[in-house]
Structure formats: C-alpha cells, structure tokens
Amino acid sequence: MTRVPRLRPGFRFQWEPVQDSHVLLYPEGMVKLNTSASAILAEVDGHRPVADIIARLEQNFPDAGELTDDVCEFLRDAQQKHWIELQ
C-alpha cells in the first residue's frame, strides 16, 4: 500500500458537463466514470500512496465503512485497463 498511482501519459481526469459526470480522456476516446471511480481517481495525483488515498476516502465518506478492498480492486482494474501506473 506504499505504491503511488498516477495517470498514464496521455490520460486526463476531468469533469465533463455534457456527460454530467467525471470522465477519463485519452487519445483514443473517453471513459465515463461512476461516482466511486471518480472519487478514487480524484485522489490520484502521482504523489499520494494508496494507503493515503484510502484514508482520505474513508474520511470523506465515513458511512461507507472500510474501503481498502474496494479501492485496491479498482486500482488493480484501472492498471489492467492501462489507465494508471503504480510506482
């Protein structure tokens, strides 16, 4: 949990008013993100380790309970889809 995720080069996370949601833009297209994915990727800055991301999310969403498994699963999936890199 000391690894640091960052968006891969060419990827950009942003709010898209037309989609009324956050999206992940990349040269070949766009991914419309759900609320959970948006919350996680909003914490991915290339400097913050996974443990800190989880702690911040648990602080921001106290009713959600323990988020380690969900966040780690999302980050693994995002890495497999080549959205992020884990350093």
C-alpha atoms as a PDB file:
ATOM      1  CA  MET A   1       0.000   0.000   0.000  1.00  0.00           C
ATOM      2  CA  THR A   2       3.048   2.224  -0.307  1.00  0.00           C
ATOM      3  CA  ARG A   3       2.799   2.224  -4.093  1.00  0.00           C
ATOM      4  CA  VAL A   4       1.858   5.514  -5.725  1.00  0.00           C
ATOM      5  CA  PRO A   5      -0.687   5.501  -8.549  1.00  0.00           C
ATOM      6  CA  ARG A   6      -0.620   8.068 -11.326  1.00  0.00           C
ATOM      7  CA  LEU A   7      -2.494   8.507 -14.565  1.00  0.00           C
ATOM      8  CA  ARG A   8      -0.644   7.185 -17.565  1.00  0.00           C
ATOM      9  CA  PRO A   9       0.764   9.734 -20.004  1.00  0.00           C
ATOM     10  CA  GLY A  10      -1.943  10.929 -22.366  1.00  0.00           C
ATOM     11  CA  PHE A  11      -4.763  10.363 -19.871  1.00  0.00           C
ATOM     12  CA  ARG A  12      -6.661  13.221 -18.261  1.00  0.00           C
ATOM     13  CA  PHE A  13      -9.293  13.113 -15.498  1.00  0.00           C
ATOM     14  CA  GLN A  14     -11.847  15.914 -15.647  1.00  0.00           C
ATOM     15  CA  TRP A  15     -15.467  16.960 -15.143  1.00  0.00           C
ATOM     16  CA  GLU A  16     -17.413  16.840 -18.407  1.00  0.00           C
ATOM     17  CA  PRO A  17     -20.577  18.990 -18.231  1.00  0.00           C
ATOM     18  CA  VAL A  18     -22.106  17.408 -21.342  1.00  0.00           C
ATOM     19  CA  GLN A  19     -21.807  13.954 -19.725  1.00  0.00           C
ATOM     20  CA  ASP A  20     -22.786  15.357 -16.309  1.00  0.00           C
ATOM     21  CA  SER A  21     -20.006  13.249 -14.811  1.00  0.00           C
ATOM     22  CA  HIS A  22     -16.271  12.900 -14.460  1.00  0.00           C
ATOM     23  CA  VAL A  23     -14.529  11.287 -17.393  1.00  0.00           C
ATOM     24  CA  LEU A  24     -11.137   9.885 -18.199  1.00  0.00           C
ATOM     25  CA  LEU A  25      -9.949  11.253 -21.541  1.00  0.00           C
ATOM     26  CA  TYR A  26      -7.262   9.579 -23.604  1.00  0.00           C
ATOM     27  CA  PRO A  27      -6.133   9.858 -27.236  1.00  0.00           C
ATOM     28  CA  GLU A  28      -8.406   7.063 -28.492  1.00  0.00           C
ATOM     29  CA  GLY A  29     -11.531   8.076 -26.582  1.00  0.00           C
ATOM     30  CA  MET A  30     -13.209   8.685 -23.269  1.00  0.00           C
ATOM     31  CA  VAL A  31     -14.455   6.678 -20.293  1.00  0.00           C
ATOM     32  CA  LYS A  32     -17.468   7.989 -18.382  1.00  0.00           C
ATOM     33  CA  LEU A  33     -16.826   7.284 -14.694  1.00  0.00           C
ATOM     34  CA  ASN A  34     -19.283   6.407 -11.957  1.00  0.00           C
ATOM     35  CA  THR A  35     -19.263   8.241  -8.634  1.00  0.00           C
ATOM     36  CA  SER A  36     -16.966   5.749  -6.877  1.00  0.00           C
ATOM     37  CA  ALA A  37     -14.400   5.694  -9.677  1.00  0.00           C
ATOM     38  CA  SER A  38     -14.476   9.485  -9.803  1.00  0.00           C
ATOM     39  CA  ALA A  39     -13.865   9.781  -6.069  1.00  0.00           C
ATOM     40  CA  ILE A  40     -10.884   7.423  -6.245  1.00  0.00           C
ATOM     41  CA  LEU A  41      -9.295   8.989  -9.336  1.00  0.00           C
ATOM     42  CA  ALA A  42      -9.733  12.470  -7.854  1.00  0.00           C
ATOM     43  CA  GLU A  43      -7.245  11.371  -5.178  1.00  0.00           C
ATOM     44  CA  VAL A  44      -4.702  10.006  -7.682  1.00  0.00           C
ATOM     45  CA  ASP A  45      -2.086  12.738  -8.041  1.00  0.00           C
ATOM     46  CA  GLY A  46       1.134  10.830  -8.685  1.00  0.00           C
ATOM     47  CA  HIS A  47       2.429  11.664  -5.190  1.00  0.00           C
ATOM     48  CA  ARG A  48      -0.037  10.154  -2.731  1.00  0.00           C
ATOM     49  CA  PRO A  49       0.445   6.451  -1.851  1.00  0.00           C
ATOM     50  CA  VAL A  50      -2.505   4.057  -1.929  1.00  0.00           C
ATOM     51  CA  ALA A  51      -2.758   3.971   1.878  1.00  0.00           C
ATOM     52  CA  ASP A  52      -3.178   7.754   1.983  1.00  0.00           C
ATOM     53  CA  ILE A  53      -5.802   7.648  -0.774  1.00  0.00           C
ATOM     54  CA  ILE A  54      -7.780   5.072   1.200  1.00  0.00           C
ATOM     55  CA  ALA A  55      -7.504   7.125   4.403  1.00  0.00           C
ATOM     56  CA  ARG A  56      -8.730  10.274   2.655  1.00  0.00           C
ATOM     57  CA  LEU A  57     -11.661   8.448   1.067  1.00  0.00           C
ATOM     58  CA  GLU A  58     -12.648   6.880   4.385  1.00  0.00           C
ATOM     59  CA  GLN A  59     -12.522  10.340   5.961  1.00  0.00           C
ATOM     60  CA  ASN A  60     -14.600  11.883   3.164  1.00  0.00           C
ATOM     61  CA  PHE A  61     -17.136   9.018   3.134  1.00  0.00           C
ATOM     62  CA  PRO A  62     -17.391   7.807   6.756  1.00  0.00           C
ATOM     63  CA  ASP A  63     -20.687   5.984   6.155  1.00  0.00           C
ATOM     64  CA  ALA A  64     -19.019   3.774   3.535  1.00  0.00           C
ATOM     65  CA  GLY A  65     -17.012   1.871   6.156  1.00  0.00           C
ATOM     66  CA  GLU A  66     -13.681   0.203   5.415  1.00  0.00           C
ATOM     67  CA  LEU A  67     -12.678   0.862   1.784  1.00  0.00           C
ATOM     68  CA  THR A  68      -9.327  -0.884   1.397  1.00  0.00           C
ATOM     69  CA  ASP A  69     -10.566  -3.854  -0.634  1.00  0.00           C
ATOM     70  CA  ASP A  70     -12.770  -1.752  -2.922  1.00  0.00           C
ATOM     71  CA  VAL A  71     -10.111   0.864  -3.618  1.00  0.00           C
ATOM     72  CA  CYS A  72      -7.386  -1.732  -4.222  1.00  0.00           C
ATOM     73  CA  GLU A  73      -9.671  -3.684  -6.548  1.00  0.00           C
ATOM     74  CA  PHE A  74     -10.486  -0.548  -8.537  1.00  0.00           C
ATOM     75  CA  LEU A  75      -6.813   0.433  -8.804  1.00  0.00           C
ATOM     76  CA  ARG A  76      -5.873  -3.085  -9.993  1.00  0.00           C
ATOM     77  CA  ASP A  77      -8.630  -2.919 -12.597  1.00  0.00           C
ATOM     78  CA  ALA A  78      -7.553   0.577 -13.687  1.00  0.00           C
ATOM     79  CA  GLN A  79      -3.972  -0.639 -14.014  1.00  0.00           C
ATOM     80  CA  GLN A  80      -5.051  -3.642 -16.106  1.00  0.00           C
ATOM     81  CA  LYS A  81      -7.014  -1.275 -18.362  1.00  0.00           C
ATOM     82  CA  HIS A  82      -3.829   0.833 -18.668  1.00  0.00           C
ATOM     83  CA  TRP A  83      -5.470   3.938 -17.157  1.00  0.00           C
ATOM     84  CA  ILE A  84      -2.911   4.238 -14.352  1.00  0.00           C
ATOM     85  CA  GLU A  85       0.582   3.174 -13.413  1.00  0.00           C
ATOM     86  CA  LEU A  86       1.578   2.072  -9.914  1.00  0.00           C
ATOM     87  CA  GLN A  87       5.067   3.158  -8.891  1.00  0.00           C
END
